[in-house]
Amino acid sequence: METALLRFLLCTLAILLCVQVFILPSLLDTTGEGPAAPPEPENGASIAPPPLDPNYDLILDPHLARNEYPAEKLAAARRLLLPSLAAQFCTPEVWAKYKDVKSSGPAKWTLARAINTGVMYPESLVGCHAGDRESYDDFKDFFWPVIEAYHVGFSMASGWRPPGTATERMDPSRVTVQLSDSARAKILSTRIRIARNLAAFALNPGGDRRSREAIADLMGRVFRAPAWDPALAGTFFLHSNLTGAQREALVKDRLLFRGGDKMQAASGYHEHWPHGRGVFLSADKAFSVWVNEGDHLRVISVEQGGDVRGVFSRLSAGARAIEEGVRRLAGPKRRNGGGGSGGSAGSRGGGSSGVPEEVFMVHPKFGSVACCPSNIGTGMRGSVHMRLPRLLASLGLEGVDAMARPLYCQARGSDGERSVAAGGRVDVSNWRRVGRSEYELVDDMLRCANALAHEEDALAQEEAAGSAELVRGST
């Protein structure tokens, strides 16, 4: 009996040792590099790839994948109350003209790729994206009407050549509107951001993993360079190097993007996630740069309170430091379809021939180039969170927004688009993007903030007068 029990225990111990030595290491990843690779298939059998994730992977509409016009889907989209701009302007005639055209830029963009978001998700507002700067002209009978429909009043035929230099257009000393004491007291926080794309690369929907990683590598070197503005010193975090806890903490503090947007994924924004994505944070977290979130760079300046000029000054300094840093390290390059700065030949990221060109991508008719037509021109959105409880109670958020629109601004909920105005807080921002310099858009926002504060004060005075009348009537 004892001998049998001893044999049983020895066998069990041997089995446990085998599991620990040979099996567990293949199941547990201790390198931080993800799960172990699947075993090689035997006898020539193939292993099915993982299913595509619509929140991250590029999934083409079946018709567009065959380069066929999605007539039924676009016809249905046009019957919606608010059809996307892609559905409105990608007519059968436009499709016939461009269906076999590829852009002359490094992305070799197609109309099928351009409208994929609008076809896959007809509820999208714009529904189309560019793959490179050349897309806007190579498909002009599509993109130009889209631009004019979104940026009401702007004419692509006339265009708008940005005056002066990029630094002059973001000169804080050229802001003319003064924030009133009343408006400043009502502002809880200020945030101004701009979108910029590097001229040496394709736009991200038309890029690849190598181009994204080349951009991230270049920006990492810019941020670490000794010549980087010491007032903006900080740390560059790569998405792929963050732990889950670090990533969630930054997202919670609104300092990092998380991806996972199906409409953006349909454009190619999230391809090769999370490679080549990152965020630079200054030591005080008042200045940040999102790298390859959608556009190459989203430059952000933020702080509590209503020092709008101070926030804009920091943004201007950061944009200037990036431009000077890129020029110093890589030089402005003309793209030729080869390897990008820091990339390798054959990448869709674009390349360099040594011919001087601007650092940031600029179009001669509208200014800064962005992936989405809604963001072209300045790529700037300046916003203040204001407490306007009386205006909200009297007019509602839609009424406050109606007051802001003639002043070239918009009023949104406290958490942005399609959110409610919690706690009497309203997000007030410029809606013009194109046809003006950045400092003029700051003027728009300040002018609107002053006007809304004045109306809030008027309601408070009426309320006080009514209360005083009630007191007199009761005595």
Protein backbone atom coordinates (compact mmCIF):
# COMPACT_ATOMS: atom_id res chain seq x y z
CA MET A 1 0.00 0.00 0.00
CA GLU A 2 2.76 2.42 1.02
CA THR A 3 4.78 1.49 -2.11
CA ALA A 4 1.80 2.19 -4.40
CA LEU A 5 1.18 5.53 -2.67
CA LEU A 6 4.85 6.49 -3.02
CA ARG A 7 4.81 5.64 -6.72
CA PHE A 8 1.66 7.75 -7.17
CA LEU A 9 3.26 10.74 -5.45
CA LEU A 10 6.45 10.43 -7.49
CA CYS A 11 4.48 10.29 -10.76
CA THR A 12 2.43 13.32 -9.77
CA LEU A 13 5.60 15.27 -8.91
CA ALA A 14 7.16 14.36 -12.25
CA ILE A 15 4.07 15.54 -14.12
CA LEU A 16 4.06 18.85 -12.25
CA LEU A 17 7.74 19.40 -13.04
CA CYS A 18 7.13 18.77 -16.75
CA VAL A 19 4.26 21.26 -16.77
CA GLN A 20 6.37 23.90 -15.04
CA VAL A 21 9.48 23.44 -17.19
CA PHE A 22 8.06 22.72 -20.64
CA ILE A 23 4.44 23.85 -20.86
CA LEU A 24 3.98 26.95 -18.69
CA PRO A 25 6.71 29.00 -20.42
CA SER A 26 4.90 28.63 -23.72
CA LEU A 27 1.60 29.76 -22.17
CA LEU A 28 2.77 32.61 -19.95
CA ASP A 29 4.31 35.66 -21.60
CA THR A 30 6.95 37.14 -19.33
CA THR A 31 8.51 39.44 -21.93
CA GLY A 32 5.73 42.03 -22.20
CA GLU A 33 5.59 41.41 -25.95
CA GLY A 34 2.14 39.83 -26.09
CA PRO A 35 1.11 36.19 -26.34
CA ALA A 36 3.42 33.60 -27.81
CA ALA A 37 3.22 33.03 -31.54
CA PRO A 38 0.89 30.20 -32.59
CA PRO A 39 2.53 26.90 -33.50
CA GLU A 40 3.55 26.32 -37.08
CA PRO A 41 0.84 24.49 -39.03
CA GLU A 42 1.53 20.86 -39.83
CA ASN A 43 1.24 19.18 -43.22
CA GLY A 44 0.80 22.48 -45.05
CA ALA A 45 -2.42 23.33 -43.22
CA SER A 46 -3.15 27.06 -42.82
CA ILE A 47 -4.24 28.88 -39.67
CA ALA A 48 -7.06 31.36 -40.11
CA PRO A 49 -6.10 34.98 -39.33
CA PRO A 50 -7.82 36.62 -36.36
CA PRO A 51 -11.16 38.26 -37.16
CA LEU A 52 -11.05 41.93 -38.13
CA ASP A 53 -12.05 44.44 -35.48
CA PRO A 54 -14.23 47.20 -37.01
CA ASN A 55 -13.13 49.60 -34.27
CA TYR A 56 -9.48 49.40 -35.36
CA ASP A 57 -9.02 47.52 -38.63
CA LEU A 58 -9.63 48.92 -42.10
CA ILE A 59 -12.67 47.10 -43.50
CA LEU A 60 -13.69 48.10 -47.01
CA ASP A 61 -17.28 48.03 -48.19
CA PRO A 62 -17.56 44.99 -50.52
CA HIS A 63 -18.55 47.10 -53.53
CA LEU A 64 -15.69 49.53 -52.97
CA ALA A 65 -13.27 46.64 -52.48
CA ARG A 66 -14.19 45.59 -56.05
CA ASN A 67 -14.01 49.22 -57.20
CA GLU A 68 -17.74 49.19 -57.93
CA TYR A 69 -20.09 52.10 -57.31
CA PRO A 70 -22.24 51.35 -54.20
CA ALA A 71 -25.35 52.78 -55.84
CA GLU A 72 -27.99 51.34 -53.49
CA LYS A 73 -26.14 52.30 -50.30
CA LEU A 74 -25.45 55.84 -51.44
CA ALA A 75 -29.04 56.28 -52.66
CA ALA A 76 -30.30 55.16 -49.25
CA ALA A 77 -27.84 57.48 -47.51
CA ARG A 78 -29.10 60.45 -49.52
CA ARG A 79 -32.62 59.81 -48.22
CA LEU A 80 -31.49 60.36 -44.63
CA LEU A 81 -32.43 63.57 -42.86
CA LEU A 82 -28.75 64.54 -42.70
CA PRO A 83 -26.92 62.65 -45.45
CA SER A 84 -23.14 62.62 -45.27
CA LEU A 85 -21.24 64.94 -47.56
CA ALA A 86 -19.64 61.90 -49.17
CA ALA A 87 -23.07 60.57 -50.14
CA GLN A 88 -24.20 63.95 -51.44
CA PHE A 89 -21.25 64.57 -53.71
CA CYS A 90 -20.08 61.14 -54.83
CA THR A 91 -22.61 61.00 -57.66
CA PRO A 92 -22.56 58.35 -60.41
CA GLU A 93 -20.97 60.94 -62.70
CA VAL A 94 -18.20 61.75 -60.21
CA TRP A 95 -17.58 58.05 -59.64
CA ALA A 96 -17.35 57.36 -63.37
CA LYS A 97 -14.80 60.16 -63.75
CA TYR A 98 -12.52 59.08 -60.92
CA LYS A 99 -13.04 55.36 -60.25
CA ASP A 100 -9.80 54.36 -62.00
CA VAL A 101 -7.76 57.38 -60.91
CA LYS A 102 -4.97 57.19 -58.33
CA SER A 103 -3.68 60.27 -56.60
CA SER A 104 -0.36 61.62 -57.83
CA GLY A 105 0.99 61.75 -54.25
CA PRO A 106 2.68 58.98 -52.27
CA ALA A 107 -0.57 57.36 -51.06
CA LYS A 108 -1.81 56.53 -54.59
CA TRP A 109 -5.22 57.27 -53.10
CA THR A 110 -8.48 56.24 -54.75
CA LEU A 111 -12.03 57.50 -54.60
CA ALA A 112 -13.09 54.11 -53.23
CA ARG A 113 -10.81 54.57 -50.22
CA ALA A 114 -11.83 58.21 -49.87
CA ILE A 115 -15.57 57.50 -49.40
CA ASN A 116 -15.36 54.24 -47.45
CA THR A 117 -16.40 55.78 -44.12
CA GLY A 118 -19.48 57.40 -45.64
CA VAL A 119 -20.54 54.17 -47.33
CA MET A 120 -19.91 51.95 -44.31
CA TYR A 121 -21.47 54.44 -41.87
CA PRO A 122 -24.04 56.65 -43.62
CA GLU A 123 -24.75 58.47 -40.35
CA SER A 124 -21.30 60.10 -40.49
CA LEU A 125 -21.34 63.85 -41.09
CA VAL A 126 -18.50 64.18 -43.61
CA GLY A 127 -17.79 60.56 -44.50
CA CYS A 128 -14.64 61.04 -46.58
CA HIS A 129 -10.90 61.39 -46.08
CA ALA A 130 -7.82 62.28 -48.09
CA GLY A 131 -4.77 60.03 -48.36
CA ASP A 132 -2.28 62.71 -49.34
CA ARG A 133 -2.23 66.42 -50.15
CA GLU A 134 -2.65 65.70 -53.85
CA SER A 135 -5.98 63.94 -53.24
CA TYR A 136 -7.74 67.27 -52.79
CA ASP A 137 -6.88 68.31 -56.35
CA ASP A 138 -6.70 64.95 -58.11
CA PHE A 139 -10.35 64.35 -57.08
CA LYS A 140 -11.35 68.02 -57.13
CA ASP A 141 -14.87 67.49 -58.51
CA PHE A 142 -15.55 65.49 -55.36
CA PHE A 143 -13.46 67.13 -52.63
CA TRP A 144 -13.97 70.78 -53.59
CA PRO A 145 -17.78 70.65 -53.27
CA VAL A 146 -17.39 68.77 -49.97
CA ILE A 147 -15.12 71.53 -48.65
CA GLU A 148 -17.48 74.30 -49.75
CA ALA A 149 -20.50 72.54 -48.24
CA TYR A 150 -18.81 72.07 -44.87
CA HIS A 151 -17.04 75.44 -44.72
CA VAL A 152 -20.04 77.55 -45.69
CA GLY A 153 -19.07 80.72 -47.52
CA PHE A 154 -15.62 79.51 -48.54
CA SER A 155 -14.89 79.28 -52.26
CA MET A 156 -12.30 76.83 -53.52
CA ALA A 157 -12.29 78.62 -56.88
CA SER A 158 -11.17 81.84 -55.18
CA GLY A 159 -9.21 80.07 -52.46
CA TRP A 160 -7.31 81.72 -49.64
CA ARG A 161 -3.55 81.94 -49.58
CA PRO A 162 -2.40 82.10 -45.95
CA PRO A 163 -0.74 85.49 -45.32
CA GLY A 164 2.75 85.73 -43.84
CA THR A 165 4.57 82.88 -42.16
CA ALA A 166 3.16 80.14 -39.94
CA THR A 167 4.71 81.92 -36.94
CA GLU A 168 3.06 85.23 -37.88
CA ARG A 169 -0.35 83.58 -38.25
CA MET A 170 -0.05 82.31 -34.68
CA ASP A 171 1.40 85.50 -33.18
CA PRO A 172 -0.38 86.10 -29.83
CA SER A 173 0.35 89.83 -30.04
CA ARG A 174 -1.99 90.03 -33.03
CA VAL A 175 -5.02 88.95 -30.98
CA THR A 176 -7.11 92.15 -30.70
CA VAL A 177 -10.14 91.20 -28.60
CA GLN A 178 -9.82 91.59 -24.83
CA LEU A 179 -11.63 89.14 -22.58
CA SER A 180 -14.06 90.95 -20.27
CA ASP A 181 -13.72 90.53 -16.51
CA SER A 182 -17.17 88.95 -16.44
CA ALA A 183 -16.29 86.40 -19.14
CA ARG A 184 -12.98 85.55 -17.49
CA ALA A 185 -14.77 84.89 -14.18
CA LYS A 186 -17.12 82.44 -15.89
CA ILE A 187 -14.42 80.45 -17.74
CA LEU A 188 -13.44 77.23 -15.99
CA SER A 189 -10.81 76.01 -18.44
CA THR A 190 -9.25 76.84 -21.81
CA ARG A 191 -8.02 74.44 -24.47
CA ILE A 192 -6.67 75.26 -27.93
CA ARG A 193 -5.37 72.69 -30.38
CA ILE A 194 -4.16 72.58 -33.97
CA ALA A 195 -3.76 69.69 -36.38
CA ARG A 196 -0.58 69.53 -38.46
CA ASN A 197 0.78 67.05 -40.99
CA LEU A 198 4.41 66.71 -42.00
CA ALA A 199 5.04 67.45 -45.67
CA ALA A 200 7.52 64.59 -46.06
CA PHE A 201 4.87 61.90 -45.53
CA ALA A 202 1.51 60.77 -46.86
CA LEU A 203 -1.49 61.49 -44.66
CA ASN A 204 -2.11 58.63 -42.24
CA PRO A 205 -5.10 57.05 -44.06
CA GLY A 206 -2.73 56.63 -47.01
CA GLY A 207 0.31 55.70 -44.93
CA ASP A 208 1.51 52.38 -43.54
CA ARG A 209 3.15 51.06 -40.40
CA ARG A 210 6.61 52.19 -41.50
CA SER A 211 5.49 55.74 -42.18
CA ARG A 212 3.77 55.99 -38.80
CA GLU A 213 6.80 54.63 -37.01
CA ALA A 214 9.09 56.98 -38.96
CA ILE A 215 6.97 59.96 -37.89
CA ALA A 216 7.01 58.81 -34.25
CA ASP A 217 10.77 58.28 -34.39
CA LEU A 218 11.34 61.71 -35.90
CA MET A 219 9.14 63.42 -33.31
CA GLY A 220 10.84 61.54 -30.47
CA ARG A 221 14.16 62.95 -31.64
CA VAL A 222 12.66 66.45 -31.92
CA PHE A 223 11.34 66.31 -28.35
CA ARG A 224 14.64 64.97 -26.97
CA ALA A 225 16.90 67.37 -28.87
CA PRO A 226 18.96 69.81 -26.76
CA ALA A 227 17.50 72.69 -28.78
CA TRP A 228 13.90 71.84 -27.78
CA ASP A 229 12.23 74.75 -25.94
CA PRO A 230 13.13 74.21 -22.25
CA ALA A 231 9.84 75.82 -21.16
CA LEU A 232 8.07 72.89 -22.85
CA ALA A 233 10.38 70.12 -21.65
CA GLY A 234 8.68 66.82 -20.96
CA THR A 235 8.43 63.14 -21.88
CA PHE A 236 7.40 61.31 -25.05
CA PHE A 237 5.40 58.13 -24.41
CA LEU A 238 4.89 55.53 -27.13
CA HIS A 239 1.49 53.84 -26.98
CA SER A 240 3.08 50.44 -27.55
CA ASN A 241 5.41 50.86 -24.56
CA LEU A 242 2.80 51.91 -22.01
CA THR A 243 1.37 49.46 -19.51
CA GLY A 244 -2.39 49.08 -19.40
CA ALA A 245 -2.54 51.02 -16.13
CA GLN A 246 -0.44 53.88 -17.53
CA ARG A 247 -2.54 54.03 -20.67
CA GLU A 248 -5.84 54.14 -18.79
CA ALA A 249 -4.57 56.81 -16.39
CA LEU A 250 -3.57 59.09 -19.28
CA VAL A 251 -6.85 58.49 -21.11
CA LYS A 252 -8.82 59.22 -17.93
CA ASP A 253 -7.00 62.54 -17.57
CA ARG A 254 -7.74 63.28 -21.25
CA LEU A 255 -4.05 63.38 -22.04
CA LEU A 256 -4.03 60.38 -24.41
CA PHE A 257 -6.23 59.08 -27.20
CA ARG A 258 -7.44 55.49 -27.11
CA GLY A 259 -8.53 54.85 -30.71
CA GLY A 260 -11.39 52.42 -31.12
CA ASP A 261 -13.63 54.59 -33.32
CA LYS A 262 -15.30 52.62 -36.10
CA MET A 263 -15.81 55.61 -38.40
CA GLN A 264 -12.18 56.62 -38.11
CA ALA A 265 -11.11 53.00 -38.53
CA ALA A 266 -13.00 52.84 -41.83
CA SER A 267 -10.79 55.64 -43.15
CA GLY A 268 -7.58 53.83 -42.20
CA TYR A 269 -6.82 56.06 -39.18
CA HIS A 270 -6.28 53.12 -36.82
CA GLU A 271 -4.40 50.74 -39.11
CA HIS A 272 -1.40 49.01 -37.48
CA TRP A 273 -2.59 50.05 -34.02
CA PRO A 274 -0.85 50.86 -31.68
CA HIS A 275 2.43 51.08 -33.62
CA GLY A 276 3.78 54.56 -34.25
CA ARG A 277 1.35 56.24 -31.85
CA GLY A 278 2.36 58.30 -28.88
CA VAL A 279 1.95 61.42 -26.79
CA PHE A 280 4.40 64.07 -25.66
CA LEU A 281 3.58 65.69 -22.31
CA SER A 282 5.29 68.73 -20.85
CA ALA A 283 6.27 68.44 -17.21
CA ASP A 284 3.24 70.47 -16.10
CA LYS A 285 0.94 68.71 -18.63
CA ALA A 286 -0.17 72.09 -19.98
CA PHE A 287 1.32 71.28 -23.40
CA SER A 288 0.96 68.02 -25.27
CA VAL A 289 1.35 66.57 -28.76
CA TRP A 290 -0.63 63.56 -29.93
CA VAL A 291 1.37 61.70 -32.56
CA ASN A 292 -0.52 59.78 -35.26
CA GLU A 293 -3.90 59.83 -33.56
CA GLY A 294 -5.44 60.75 -36.91
CA ASP A 295 -3.42 63.55 -38.41
CA HIS A 296 0.32 63.28 -37.87
CA LEU A 297 0.31 65.81 -35.02
CA ARG A 298 -2.33 67.26 -32.75
CA VAL A 299 -0.68 70.06 -30.80
CA ILE A 300 -2.57 70.99 -27.62
CA SER A 301 -2.30 73.74 -25.01
CA VAL A 302 -4.59 73.66 -21.98
CA GLU A 303 -4.97 75.09 -18.50
CA GLN A 304 -7.58 75.86 -15.86
CA GLY A 305 -9.10 79.33 -15.93
CA GLY A 306 -9.49 81.97 -18.60
CA ASP A 307 -5.97 83.02 -19.59
CA VAL A 308 -6.74 82.49 -23.28
CA ARG A 309 -3.79 84.55 -24.48
CA GLY A 310 -1.43 82.54 -22.28
CA VAL A 311 -2.79 79.26 -23.65
CA PHE A 312 -2.48 80.51 -27.23
CA SER A 313 1.06 81.77 -26.57
CA ARG A 314 2.11 78.32 -25.33
CA LEU A 315 0.51 76.67 -28.37
CA SER A 316 2.30 79.08 -30.70
CA ALA A 317 5.65 78.41 -29.01
CA GLY A 318 5.10 74.65 -29.26
CA ALA A 319 4.18 74.73 -32.95
CA ARG A 320 7.24 76.86 -33.66
CA ALA A 321 9.50 74.51 -31.67
CA ILE A 322 8.19 71.51 -33.64
CA GLU A 323 8.69 73.20 -36.99
CA GLU A 324 12.22 74.31 -36.09
CA GLY A 325 13.05 70.90 -34.64
CA VAL A 326 11.90 68.98 -37.71
CA ARG A 327 13.73 71.40 -40.00
CA ARG A 328 16.90 71.04 -37.94
CA LEU A 329 16.85 67.23 -37.80
CA ALA A 330 15.42 66.17 -41.13
CA GLY A 331 15.10 69.33 -43.16
CA PRO A 332 11.96 70.11 -45.13
CA LYS A 333 11.77 67.55 -47.91
CA ARG A 334 9.78 67.10 -51.08
CA ARG A 335 7.98 63.78 -51.15
CA ASN A 336 8.79 61.49 -54.07
CA GLY A 337 7.13 58.22 -53.10
CA GLY A 338 10.26 56.63 -51.62
CA GLY A 339 11.16 56.16 -47.96
CA GLY A 340 10.09 58.85 -45.49
CA SER A 341 12.37 60.67 -43.11
CA GLY A 342 13.68 57.88 -40.97
CA GLY A 343 11.76 55.33 -43.04
CA SER A 344 12.83 53.00 -45.79
CA ALA A 345 12.45 52.99 -49.54
CA GLY A 346 9.16 51.77 -50.88
CA SER A 347 7.11 52.98 -47.90
CA ARG A 348 3.87 54.74 -48.68
CA GLY A 349 5.08 57.31 -46.18
CA GLY A 350 6.71 59.40 -48.88
CA GLY A 351 10.34 60.30 -49.21
CA SER A 352 12.92 63.00 -49.70
CA SER A 353 14.70 64.27 -52.75
CA GLY A 354 16.49 67.09 -50.94
CA VAL A 355 14.41 69.78 -52.71
CA PRO A 356 13.43 72.45 -50.14
CA GLU A 357 9.78 72.55 -49.14
CA GLU A 358 7.70 73.50 -46.12
CA VAL A 359 7.85 71.37 -42.97
CA PHE A 360 4.07 71.27 -42.51
CA MET A 361 1.77 70.23 -45.33
CA VAL A 362 0.11 73.29 -46.91
CA HIS A 363 -2.34 73.63 -49.80
CA PRO A 364 -2.15 76.81 -51.89
CA LYS A 365 -5.92 77.34 -51.77
CA PHE A 366 -6.81 76.70 -48.14
CA GLY A 367 -3.71 76.42 -45.95
CA SER A 368 -2.98 73.51 -43.60
CA VAL A 369 -3.86 70.09 -44.96
CA ALA A 370 -5.73 67.54 -42.82
CA CYS A 371 -7.05 64.03 -43.37
CA CYS A 372 -10.66 65.16 -42.98
CA PRO A 373 -12.00 68.08 -45.04
CA SER A 374 -13.65 69.45 -41.89
CA ASN A 375 -10.27 70.22 -40.36
CA ILE A 376 -8.42 71.93 -43.21
CA GLY A 377 -7.28 75.57 -43.20
CA THR A 378 -5.97 76.16 -39.72
CA GLY A 379 -6.84 72.80 -38.17
CA MET A 380 -7.53 74.86 -35.07
CA ARG A 381 -10.20 74.50 -32.44
CA GLY A 382 -10.03 76.86 -29.48
CA SER A 383 -12.52 76.28 -26.70
CA VAL A 384 -13.43 77.55 -23.26
CA HIS A 385 -15.67 75.84 -20.74
CA MET A 386 -18.00 78.49 -19.33
CA ARG A 387 -20.59 78.43 -16.57
CA LEU A 388 -23.81 79.81 -18.07
CA PRO A 389 -26.58 78.30 -15.90
CA ARG A 390 -29.16 81.06 -16.49
CA LEU A 391 -28.75 81.09 -20.26
CA LEU A 392 -29.07 77.30 -20.34
CA ALA A 393 -32.19 77.38 -18.15
CA SER A 394 -33.71 80.09 -20.33
CA LEU A 395 -32.74 79.00 -23.84
CA GLY A 396 -31.40 75.45 -23.59
CA LEU A 397 -28.17 74.34 -25.24
CA GLU A 398 -29.62 74.74 -28.74
CA GLY A 399 -30.59 78.32 -27.97
CA VAL A 400 -27.13 79.15 -26.65
CA ASP A 401 -25.63 77.57 -29.77
CA ALA A 402 -27.93 79.71 -31.94
CA MET A 403 -26.55 82.80 -30.20
CA ALA A 404 -22.96 81.67 -30.85
CA ARG A 405 -23.32 80.84 -34.56
CA PRO A 406 -23.55 84.43 -35.91
CA LEU A 407 -20.29 85.08 -34.02
CA TYR A 408 -18.59 82.20 -35.88
CA CYS A 409 -18.62 79.97 -32.82
CA GLN A 410 -20.57 77.00 -31.54
CA ALA A 411 -21.82 75.90 -28.14
CA ARG A 412 -21.62 72.22 -27.25
CA GLY A 413 -22.19 70.14 -24.15
CA SER A 414 -19.58 69.98 -21.43
CA ASP A 415 -18.11 66.77 -22.90
CA GLY A 416 -18.13 67.93 -26.52
CA GLU A 417 -20.21 66.83 -29.50
CA ARG A 418 -23.62 65.30 -28.71
CA SER A 419 -23.17 65.70 -24.93
CA VAL A 420 -25.30 67.54 -22.39
CA ALA A 421 -24.37 70.77 -20.62
CA ALA A 422 -23.80 69.25 -17.18
CA GLY A 423 -23.66 71.59 -14.19
CA GLY A 424 -24.50 74.63 -16.29
CA ARG A 425 -21.21 74.26 -18.21
CA VAL A 426 -20.97 74.97 -21.94
CA ASP A 427 -18.09 74.29 -24.33
CA VAL A 428 -17.73 77.41 -26.53
CA SER A 429 -15.42 77.12 -29.55
CA ASN A 430 -14.73 78.61 -32.96
CA TRP A 431 -16.34 76.80 -35.88
CA ARG A 432 -14.49 78.60 -38.67
CA ARG A 433 -11.37 76.69 -39.71
CA VAL A 434 -10.49 78.04 -43.13
CA GLY A 435 -10.08 81.47 -44.70
CA ARG A 436 -8.68 83.08 -41.55
CA SER A 437 -5.42 83.01 -39.60
CA GLU A 438 -5.23 81.27 -36.24
CA TYR A 439 -5.06 84.49 -34.23
CA GLU A 440 -8.30 85.65 -35.89
CA LEU A 441 -10.05 82.48 -34.71
CA VAL A 442 -8.93 83.24 -31.17
CA ASP A 443 -10.59 86.64 -31.62
CA ASP A 444 -13.79 84.83 -32.69
CA MET A 445 -13.80 82.76 -29.50
CA LEU A 446 -13.09 85.74 -27.23
CA ARG A 447 -15.77 87.85 -28.87
CA CYS A 448 -18.32 85.09 -28.39
CA ALA A 449 -17.32 84.45 -24.78
CA ASN A 450 -17.78 88.14 -24.01
CA ALA A 451 -21.21 88.20 -25.66
CA LEU A 452 -22.46 85.10 -23.82
CA ALA A 453 -21.16 86.41 -20.49
CA HIS A 454 -23.01 89.69 -21.11
CA GLU A 455 -26.28 87.84 -21.76
CA GLU A 456 -25.79 85.69 -18.64
CA ASP A 457 -25.25 88.86 -16.59
CA ALA A 458 -28.38 90.44 -18.06
CA LEU A 459 -30.46 87.45 -16.95
CA ALA A 460 -28.90 87.66 -13.49
CA GLN A 461 -29.86 91.34 -13.27
CA GLU A 462 -33.43 90.55 -14.35
CA GLU A 463 -33.54 87.80 -11.75
CA ALA A 464 -32.27 90.17 -9.06
CA ALA A 465 -34.74 92.85 -10.06
CA GLY A 466 -37.59 90.35 -9.91
CA SER A 467 -36.52 89.20 -6.47
CA ALA A 468 -36.35 92.79 -5.23
CA GLU A 469 -39.85 93.43 -6.58
CA LEU A 470 -41.15 90.40 -4.71
CA VAL A 471 -39.56 91.64 -1.49
CA ARG A 472 -41.14 95.08 -1.90
CA GLY A 473 -44.51 93.54 -2.66
CA SER A 474 -44.42 91.45 0.51
CA THR A 475 -43.76 94.41 2.82
